[in-house]
Amino acid sequence: MAPIALAFAVLDATGSVGSLALVVGAHSLTGILCLLFGGVPADRLPRGPLLVEEPMPG
């Protein structure tokens, strides 16, 4: 639901489809980079210390 709300917020604020493409592209790119760089330690390190180090969402 967040990408849809983000799209409407950008369109409402700017009215520009180019701005929408830039924001959605940046949002997607950050998600992909976090998955790639977060997956390496998750695969190679033991699970216990990783779970202790990660903050709980709140």
PDB file of N, CA and C in Angstrom:
ATOM      1  N   MET A   1       0.813  -1.181   0.000  1.00  0.00           N
ATOM      2  CA  MET A   1       0.000   0.000   0.000  1.00  0.00           C
ATOM      3  C   MET A   1       0.868   1.260   0.000  1.00  0.00           C
ATOM      4  N   ALA A   2       2.062   1.198   0.562  1.00  0.00           N
ATOM      5  CA  ALA A   2       2.913   2.387   0.641  1.00  0.00           C
ATOM      6  C   ALA A   2       3.304   2.934  -0.735  1.00  0.00           C
ATOM      7  N   PRO A   3       3.674   2.090  -1.714  1.00  0.00           N
ATOM      8  CA  PRO A   3       3.996   2.663  -3.034  1.00  0.00           C
ATOM      9  C   PRO A   3       2.814   3.378  -3.679  1.00  0.00           C
ATOM     10  N   ILE A   4       1.614   2.899  -3.443  1.00  0.00           N
ATOM     11  CA  ILE A   4       0.439   3.550  -4.018  1.00  0.00           C
ATOM     12  C   ILE A   4       0.220   4.909  -3.353  1.00  0.00           C
ATOM     13  N   ALA A   5       0.369   4.956  -2.025  1.00  0.00           N
ATOM     14  CA  ALA A   5       0.226   6.222  -1.316  1.00  0.00           C
ATOM     15  C   ALA A   5       1.335   7.187  -1.722  1.00  0.00           C
ATOM     16  N   LEU A   6       2.525   6.671  -1.912  1.00  0.00           N
ATOM     17  CA  LEU A   6       3.646   7.504  -2.358  1.00  0.00           C
ATOM     18  C   LEU A   6       3.362   8.091  -3.735  1.00  0.00           C
ATOM     19  N   ALA A   7       2.828   7.276  -4.624  1.00  0.00           N
ATOM     20  CA  ALA A   7       2.517   7.755  -5.968  1.00  0.00           C
ATOM     21  C   ALA A   7       1.470   8.873  -5.931  1.00  0.00           C
ATOM     22  N   PHE A   8       0.423   8.688  -5.156  1.00  0.00           N
ATOM     23  CA  PHE A   8      -0.601   9.727  -5.071  1.00  0.00           C
ATOM     24  C   PHE A   8      -0.067  10.992  -4.410  1.00  0.00           C
ATOM     25  N   ALA A   9       0.805  10.836  -3.410  1.00  0.00           N
ATOM     26  CA  ALA A   9       1.359  12.006  -2.735  1.00  0.00           C
ATOM     27  C   ALA A   9       2.236  12.825  -3.675  1.00  0.00           C
ATOM     28  N   VAL A  10       3.054  12.147  -4.478  1.00  0.00           N
ATOM     29  CA  VAL A  10       3.923  12.857  -5.416  1.00  0.00           C
ATOM     30  C   VAL A  10       3.101  13.519  -6.509  1.00  0.00           C
ATOM     31  N   LEU A  11       2.131  12.813  -7.030  1.00  0.00           N
ATOM     32  CA  LEU A  11       1.284  13.410  -8.066  1.00  0.00           C
ATOM     33  C   LEU A  11       0.488  14.593  -7.529  1.00  0.00           C
ATOM     34  N   ASP A  12       0.033  14.500  -6.288  1.00  0.00           N
ATOM     35  CA  ASP A  12      -0.719  15.604  -5.695  1.00  0.00           C
ATOM     36  C   ASP A  12       0.185  16.802  -5.433  1.00  0.00           C
ATOM     37  N   ALA A  13       1.421  16.541  -5.000  1.00  0.00           N
ATOM     38  CA  ALA A  13       2.329  17.635  -4.657  1.00  0.00           C
ATOM     39  C   ALA A  13       2.909  18.317  -5.888  1.00  0.00           C
ATOM     40  N   THR A  14       3.249  17.537  -6.922  1.00  0.00           N
ATOM     41  CA  THR A  14       3.931  18.117  -8.075  1.00  0.00           C
ATOM     42  C   THR A  14       3.082  18.123  -9.335  1.00  0.00           C
ATOM     43  N   GLY A  15       2.262  17.105  -9.524  1.00  0.00           N
ATOM     44  CA  GLY A  15       1.492  16.990 -10.756  1.00  0.00           C
ATOM     45  C   GLY A  15       2.324  16.535 -11.939  1.00  0.00           C
ATOM     46  N   SER A  16       3.551  16.144 -11.679  1.00  0.00           N
ATOM     47  CA  SER A  16       4.469  15.768 -12.750  1.00  0.00           C
ATOM     48  C   SER A  16       4.684  14.258 -12.768  1.00  0.00           C
ATOM     49  N   VAL A  17       4.513  13.673 -13.947  1.00  0.00           N
ATOM     50  CA  VAL A  17       4.758  12.244 -14.095  1.00  0.00           C
ATOM     51  C   VAL A  17       6.249  11.947 -14.019  1.00  0.00           C
ATOM     52  N   GLY A  18       7.086  12.869 -14.462  1.00  0.00           N
ATOM     53  CA  GLY A  18       8.538  12.687 -14.372  1.00  0.00           C
ATOM     54  C   GLY A  18       9.008  12.619 -12.928  1.00  0.00           C
ATOM     55  N   SER A  19       8.441  13.472 -12.081  1.00  0.00           N
ATOM     56  CA  SER A  19       8.775  13.424 -10.657  1.00  0.00           C
ATOM     57  C   SER A  19       8.316  12.113 -10.038  1.00  0.00           C
ATOM     58  N   LEU A  20       7.155  11.655 -10.448  1.00  0.00           N
ATOM     59  CA  LEU A  20       6.649  10.377  -9.955  1.00  0.00           C
ATOM     60  C   LEU A  20       7.598   9.251 -10.340  1.00  0.00           C
ATOM     61  N   ALA A  21       8.058   9.240 -11.577  1.00  0.00           N
ATOM     62  CA  ALA A  21       8.979   8.195 -12.024  1.00  0.00           C
ATOM     63  C   ALA A  21      10.278   8.240 -11.239  1.00  0.00           C
ATOM     64  N   LEU A  22      10.780   9.424 -10.970  1.00  0.00           N
ATOM     65  CA  LEU A  22      12.021   9.567 -10.215  1.00  0.00           C
ATOM     66  C   LEU A  22      11.867   9.053  -8.783  1.00  0.00           C
ATOM     67  N   VAL A  23      10.789   9.398  -8.130  1.00  0.00           N
ATOM     68  CA  VAL A  23      10.573   8.980  -6.747  1.00  0.00           C
ATOM     69  C   VAL A  23      10.326   7.482  -6.652  1.00  0.00           C
ATOM     70  N   VAL A  24       9.516   6.940  -7.534  1.00  0.00           N
ATOM     71  CA  VAL A  24       9.246   5.495  -7.505  1.00  0.00           C
ATOM     72  C   VAL A  24      10.500   4.710  -7.866  1.00  0.00           C
ATOM     73  N   GLY A  25      11.282   5.207  -8.806  1.00  0.00           N
ATOM     74  CA  GLY A  25      12.543   4.546  -9.151  1.00  0.00           C
ATOM     75  C   GLY A  25      13.528   4.558  -8.003  1.00  0.00           C
ATOM     76  N   ALA A  26      13.642   5.681  -7.305  1.00  0.00           N
ATOM     77  CA  ALA A  26      14.544   5.766  -6.153  1.00  0.00           C
ATOM     78  C   ALA A  26      14.077   4.844  -5.027  1.00  0.00           C
ATOM     79  N   HIS A  27      12.767   4.777  -4.829  1.00  0.00           N
ATOM     80  CA  HIS A  27      12.213   3.891  -3.803  1.00  0.00           C
ATOM     81  C   HIS A  27      12.513   2.432  -4.134  1.00  0.00           C
ATOM     82  N   SER A  28      12.347   2.058  -5.378  1.00  0.00           N
ATOM     83  CA  SER A  28      12.617   0.678  -5.799  1.00  0.00           C
ATOM     84  C   SER A  28      14.098   0.347  -5.709  1.00  0.00           C
ATOM     85  N   LEU A  29      14.944   1.277  -6.115  1.00  0.00           N
ATOM     86  CA  LEU A  29      16.385   1.052  -6.084  1.00  0.00           C
ATOM     87  C   LEU A  29      16.890   0.856  -4.663  1.00  0.00           C
ATOM     88  N   THR A  30      16.402   1.647  -3.718  1.00  0.00           N
ATOM     89  CA  THR A  30      16.850   1.480  -2.338  1.00  0.00           C
ATOM     90  C   THR A  30      16.404   0.137  -1.770  1.00  0.00           C
ATOM     91  N   GLY A  31      15.217  -0.300  -2.132  1.00  0.00           N
ATOM     92  CA  GLY A  31      14.758  -1.616  -1.682  1.00  0.00           C
ATOM     93  C   GLY A  31      15.617  -2.733  -2.236  1.00  0.00           C
ATOM     94  N   ILE A  32      15.958  -2.659  -3.498  1.00  0.00           N
ATOM     95  CA  ILE A  32      16.796  -3.685  -4.128  1.00  0.00           C
ATOM     96  C   ILE A  32      18.190  -3.698  -3.507  1.00  0.00           C
ATOM     97  N   LEU A  33      18.780  -2.528  -3.290  1.00  0.00           N
ATOM     98  CA  LEU A  33      20.113  -2.466  -2.699  1.00  0.00           C
ATOM     99  C   LEU A  33      20.117  -2.999  -1.271  1.00  0.00           C
ATOM    100  N   CYS A  34      19.097  -2.674  -0.500  1.00  0.00           N
ATOM    101  CA  CYS A  34      19.028  -3.195   0.866  1.00  0.00           C
ATOM    102  C   CYS A  34      18.881  -4.714   0.871  1.00  0.00           C
ATOM    103  N   LEU A  35      18.106  -5.251  -0.045  1.00  0.00           N
ATOM    104  CA  LEU A  35      17.954  -6.701  -0.126  1.00  0.00           C
ATOM    105  C   LEU A  35      19.264  -7.374  -0.519  1.00  0.00           C
ATOM    106  N   LEU A  36      19.969  -6.792  -1.489  1.00  0.00           N
ATOM    107  CA  LEU A  36      21.222  -7.399  -1.935  1.00  0.00           C
ATOM    108  C   LEU A  36      22.286  -7.360  -0.849  1.00  0.00           C
ATOM    109  N   PHE A  37      22.478  -6.188  -0.239  1.00  0.00           N
ATOM    110  CA  PHE A  37      23.530  -6.061   0.760  1.00  0.00           C
ATOM    111  C   PHE A  37      23.138  -6.648   2.106  1.00  0.00           C
ATOM    112  N   GLY A  38      21.865  -6.774   2.379  1.00  0.00           N
ATOM    113  CA  GLY A  38      21.424  -7.405   3.615  1.00  0.00           C
ATOM    114  C   GLY A  38      21.390  -8.915   3.513  1.00  0.00           C
ATOM    115  N   GLY A  39      21.248  -9.427   2.309  1.00  0.00           N
ATOM    116  CA  GLY A  39      21.189 -10.870   2.127  1.00  0.00           C
ATOM    117  C   GLY A  39      22.516 -11.559   2.324  1.00  0.00           C
ATOM    118  N   VAL A  40      23.610 -10.881   2.033  1.00  0.00           N
ATOM    119  CA  VAL A  40      24.934 -11.498   2.187  1.00  0.00           C
ATOM    120  C   VAL A  40      25.222 -11.836   3.646  1.00  0.00           C
ATOM    121  N   PRO A  41      25.098 -10.889   4.585  1.00  0.00           N
ATOM    122  CA  PRO A  41      25.335 -11.274   5.981  1.00  0.00           C
ATOM    123  C   PRO A  41      24.297 -12.275   6.499  1.00  0.00           C
ATOM    124  N   ALA A  42      23.071 -12.173   6.023  1.00  0.00           N
ATOM    125  CA  ALA A  42      22.044 -13.105   6.484  1.00  0.00           C
ATOM    126  C   ALA A  42      22.345 -14.528   6.049  1.00  0.00           C
ATOM    127  N   ASP A  43      22.983 -14.699   4.904  1.00  0.00           N
ATOM    128  CA  ASP A  43      23.315 -16.032   4.425  1.00  0.00           C
ATOM    129  C   ASP A  43      24.600 -16.569   5.047  1.00  0.00           C
ATOM    130  N   ARG A  44      25.551 -15.715   5.350  1.00  0.00           N
ATOM    131  CA  ARG A  44      26.873 -16.169   5.758  1.00  0.00           C
ATOM    132  C   ARG A  44      27.111 -16.178   7.261  1.00  0.00           C
ATOM    133  N   LEU A  45      26.386 -15.387   8.011  1.00  0.00           N
ATOM    134  CA  LEU A  45      26.617 -15.293   9.449  1.00  0.00           C
ATOM    135  C   LEU A  45      25.568 -16.093  10.209  1.00  0.00           C
ATOM    136  N   PRO A  46      25.899 -16.503  11.439  1.00  0.00           N
ATOM    137  CA  PRO A  46      24.883 -17.219  12.233  1.00  0.00           C
ATOM    138  C   PRO A  46      23.691 -16.321  12.559  1.00  0.00           C
ATOM    139  N   ARG A  47      22.558 -16.927  12.711  1.00  0.00           N
ATOM    140  CA  ARG A  47      21.311 -16.186  12.862  1.00  0.00           C
ATOM    141  C   ARG A  47      21.223 -15.433  14.196  1.00  0.00           C
ATOM    142  N   GLY A  48      21.700 -16.016  15.281  1.00  0.00           N
ATOM    143  CA  GLY A  48      21.563 -15.425  16.609  1.00  0.00           C
ATOM    144  C   GLY A  48      22.129 -14.017  16.729  1.00  0.00           C
ATOM    145  N   PRO A  49      23.426 -13.800  16.399  1.00  0.00           N
ATOM    146  CA  PRO A  49      23.972 -12.445  16.532  1.00  0.00           C
ATOM    147  C   PRO A  49      23.290 -11.422  15.624  1.00  0.00           C
ATOM    148  N   LEU A  50      22.847 -11.839  14.452  1.00  0.00           N
ATOM    149  CA  LEU A  50      22.157 -10.899  13.561  1.00  0.00           C
ATOM    150  C   LEU A  50      20.831 -10.440  14.154  1.00  0.00           C
ATOM    151  N   LEU A  51      20.117 -11.354  14.783  1.00  0.00           N
ATOM    152  CA  LEU A  51      18.831 -10.989  15.367  1.00  0.00           C
ATOM    153  C   LEU A  51      19.003 -10.089  16.585  1.00  0.00           C
ATOM    154  N   VAL A  52      20.100 -10.259  17.307  1.00  0.00           N
ATOM    155  CA  VAL A  52      20.355  -9.417  18.468  1.00  0.00           C
ATOM    156  C   VAL A  52      20.743  -8.017  18.019  1.00  0.00           C
ATOM    157  N   GLU A  53      21.478  -7.897  16.914  1.00  0.00           N
ATOM    158  CA  GLU A  53      21.972  -6.603  16.446  1.00  0.00           C
ATOM    159  C   GLU A  53      20.910  -5.767  15.746  1.00  0.00           C
ATOM    160  N   GLU A  54      19.923  -6.379  15.146  1.00  0.00           N
ATOM    161  CA  GLU A  54      18.915  -5.653  14.395  1.00  0.00           C
ATOM    162  C   GLU A  54      17.898  -5.017  15.324  1.00  0.00           C
ATOM    163  N   PRO A  55      17.573  -3.749  15.111  1.00  0.00           N
ATOM    164  CA  PRO A  55      16.544  -3.119  15.944  1.00  0.00           C
ATOM    165  C   PRO A  55      15.161  -3.647  15.575  1.00  0.00           C
ATOM    166  N   MET A  56      14.321  -3.719  16.535  1.00  0.00           N
ATOM    167  CA  MET A  56      12.946  -4.172  16.309  1.00  0.00           C
ATOM    168  C   MET A  56      12.126  -3.013  15.741  1.00  0.00           C
ATOM    169  N   PRO A  57      11.308  -3.283  14.717  1.00  0.00           N
ATOM    170  CA  PRO A  57      10.457  -2.205  14.192  1.00  0.00           C
ATOM    171  C   PRO A  57       9.430  -1.806  15.239  1.00  0.00           C
ATOM    172  N   GLY A  58       9.153  -0.550  15.292  1.00  0.00           N
ATOM    173  CA  GLY A  58       8.205  -0.147  16.322  1.00  0.00           C
ATOM    174  C   GLY A  58       7.409   0.966  15.911  1.00  0.00           C
TER     175      GLY A  58
END
